[in-house]
Amino acid sequence: MHQVNIHEAKTHLSKLIQEALAGEDVVIAKDNKPVVKLVVLPHQKHQRQLGTAKGKIVMADDFDEPLDDFAPYMTS
């Protein structure tokens, strides 16, 4: 656990946020008494992972062929 006073927290907020994101407990104190704890929000913990939909999306070989329904509107 890392405890800092309010003045130090204001001065080094970016650094303290990075520490919290790295999993360290960061507590902000007033008159050496803990009053606030920085907590990472659950939806901020995970980053996107590429390739998770591989094999789930299939595109037909004729996907760009004209549709039969539009034949009357097409000119030759």
C-alpha atoms as a PDB file:
ATOM      1  CA  MET A   1       0.000   0.000   0.000  1.00  0.00           C
ATOM      2  CA  HIS A   2       1.264   3.435  -0.941  1.00  0.00           C
ATOM      3  CA  GLN A   3      -0.017   6.341   1.164  1.00  0.00           C
ATOM      4  CA  VAL A   4       0.466   9.995   0.214  1.00  0.00           C
ATOM      5  CA  ASN A   5      -0.860  13.261   1.576  1.00  0.00           C
ATOM      6  CA  ILE A   6      -3.287  15.438  -0.401  1.00  0.00           C
ATOM      7  CA  HIS A   7      -0.618  17.930  -1.515  1.00  0.00           C
ATOM      8  CA  GLU A   8       1.596  15.147  -2.869  1.00  0.00           C
ATOM      9  CA  ALA A   9      -1.407  13.533  -4.559  1.00  0.00           C
ATOM     10  CA  LYS A  10      -2.231  16.789  -6.363  1.00  0.00           C
ATOM     11  CA  THR A  11       1.381  17.134  -7.463  1.00  0.00           C
ATOM     12  CA  HIS A  12       1.819  13.533  -8.645  1.00  0.00           C
ATOM     13  CA  LEU A  13      -1.702  12.486  -9.663  1.00  0.00           C
ATOM     14  CA  SER A  14      -0.680  11.002 -13.028  1.00  0.00           C
ATOM     15  CA  LYS A  15       2.009   8.872 -11.390  1.00  0.00           C
ATOM     16  CA  LEU A  16      -0.412   7.689  -8.695  1.00  0.00           C
ATOM     17  CA  ILE A  17      -2.994   6.726 -11.324  1.00  0.00           C
ATOM     18  CA  GLN A  18      -0.373   4.676 -13.169  1.00  0.00           C
ATOM     19  CA  GLU A  19       0.529   2.925  -9.906  1.00  0.00           C
ATOM     20  CA  ALA A  20      -3.138   2.084  -9.296  1.00  0.00           C
ATOM     21  CA  LEU A  21      -3.477   0.772 -12.854  1.00  0.00           C
ATOM     22  CA  ALA A  22      -0.448  -1.429 -12.206  1.00  0.00           C
ATOM     23  CA  GLY A  23      -2.279  -3.003  -9.260  1.00  0.00           C
ATOM     24  CA  GLU A  24      -0.759  -1.099  -6.356  1.00  0.00           C
ATOM     25  CA  ASP A  25      -3.026   0.187  -3.569  1.00  0.00           C
ATOM     26  CA  VAL A  26      -2.842   3.979  -3.425  1.00  0.00           C
ATOM     27  CA  VAL A  27      -4.308   5.759  -0.402  1.00  0.00           C
ATOM     28  CA  ILE A  28      -4.594   9.533  -0.012  1.00  0.00           C
ATOM     29  CA  ALA A  29      -4.407  10.856   3.536  1.00  0.00           C
ATOM     30  CA  LYS A  30      -5.277  14.092   5.301  1.00  0.00           C
ATOM     31  CA  ASP A  31      -3.287  14.807   8.463  1.00  0.00           C
ATOM     32  CA  ASN A  32      -1.778  11.312   8.135  1.00  0.00           C
ATOM     33  CA  LYS A  33      -5.247   9.715   8.322  1.00  0.00           C
ATOM     34  CA  PRO A  34      -6.372   7.720   5.243  1.00  0.00           C
ATOM     35  CA  VAL A  35      -9.425   9.275   3.619  1.00  0.00           C
ATOM     36  CA  VAL A  36      -9.463   8.131  -0.024  1.00  0.00           C
ATOM     37  CA  LYS A  37      -8.324   5.058  -1.933  1.00  0.00           C
ATOM     38  CA  LEU A  38      -7.664   5.096  -5.701  1.00  0.00           C
ATOM     39  CA  VAL A  39      -9.471   2.174  -7.299  1.00  0.00           C
ATOM     40  CA  VAL A  40      -9.321   1.040 -10.920  1.00  0.00           C
ATOM     41  CA  LEU A  41     -12.769   0.683 -12.450  1.00  0.00           C
ATOM     42  CA  PRO A  42     -13.530  -2.869 -13.647  1.00  0.00           C
ATOM     43  CA  HIS A  43     -14.147  -1.924 -17.280  1.00  0.00           C
ATOM     44  CA  GLN A  44     -10.751  -0.196 -17.458  1.00  0.00           C
ATOM     45  CA  LYS A  45      -8.657  -3.211 -16.469  1.00  0.00           C
ATOM     46  CA  HIS A  46      -8.838  -5.213 -19.689  1.00  0.00           C
ATOM     47  CA  GLN A  47      -7.469  -4.130 -23.013  1.00  0.00           C
ATOM     48  CA  ARG A  48      -8.809  -5.347 -26.321  1.00  0.00           C
ATOM     49  CA  GLN A  49      -7.330  -8.551 -27.621  1.00  0.00           C
ATOM     50  CA  LEU A  50      -7.008  -8.935 -31.362  1.00  0.00           C
ATOM     51  CA  GLY A  51      -8.107 -12.114 -33.081  1.00  0.00           C
ATOM     52  CA  THR A  52     -10.834 -13.231 -30.675  1.00  0.00           C
ATOM     53  CA  ALA A  53     -13.458 -13.485 -33.476  1.00  0.00           C
ATOM     54  CA  LYS A  54     -11.223 -15.477 -35.814  1.00  0.00           C
ATOM     55  CA  GLY A  55     -13.261 -18.193 -37.533  1.00  0.00           C
ATOM     56  CA  LYS A  56     -16.576 -16.791 -36.269  1.00  0.00           C
ATOM     57  CA  ILE A  57     -17.186 -14.445 -39.200  1.00  0.00           C
ATOM     58  CA  VAL A  58     -17.706 -16.094 -42.571  1.00  0.00           C
ATOM     59  CA  MET A  59     -18.049 -14.284 -45.886  1.00  0.00           C
ATOM     60  CA  ALA A  60     -19.436 -16.157 -48.867  1.00  0.00           C
ATOM     61  CA  ASP A  61     -17.353 -16.290 -52.047  1.00  0.00           C
ATOM     62  CA  ASP A  62     -20.122 -14.552 -54.014  1.00  0.00           C
ATOM     63  CA  PHE A  63     -20.798 -11.775 -51.490  1.00  0.00           C
ATOM     64  CA  ASP A  64     -20.201  -9.054 -54.082  1.00  0.00           C
ATOM     65  CA  GLU A  65     -22.332 -10.587 -56.858  1.00  0.00           C
ATOM     66  CA  PRO A  66     -25.500  -8.693 -57.839  1.00  0.00           C
ATOM     67  CA  LEU A  67     -28.703  -9.805 -56.125  1.00  0.00           C
ATOM     68  CA  ASP A  68     -31.429 -11.383 -58.294  1.00  0.00           C
ATOM     69  CA  ASP A  69     -33.979  -8.939 -56.847  1.00  0.00           C
ATOM     70  CA  PHE A  70     -32.121  -6.012 -58.402  1.00  0.00           C
ATOM     71  CA  ALA A  71     -31.900  -7.416 -61.952  1.00  0.00           C
ATOM     72  CA  PRO A  72     -34.648  -5.089 -63.303  1.00  0.00           C
ATOM     73  CA  TYR A  73     -32.736  -2.028 -62.090  1.00  0.00           C
ATOM     74  CA  MET A  74     -29.419  -2.984 -63.622  1.00  0.00           C
ATOM     75  CA  THR A  75     -28.449  -1.849 -67.092  1.00  0.00           C
ATOM     76  CA  SER A  76     -26.305  -3.907 -69.399  1.00  0.00           C
END
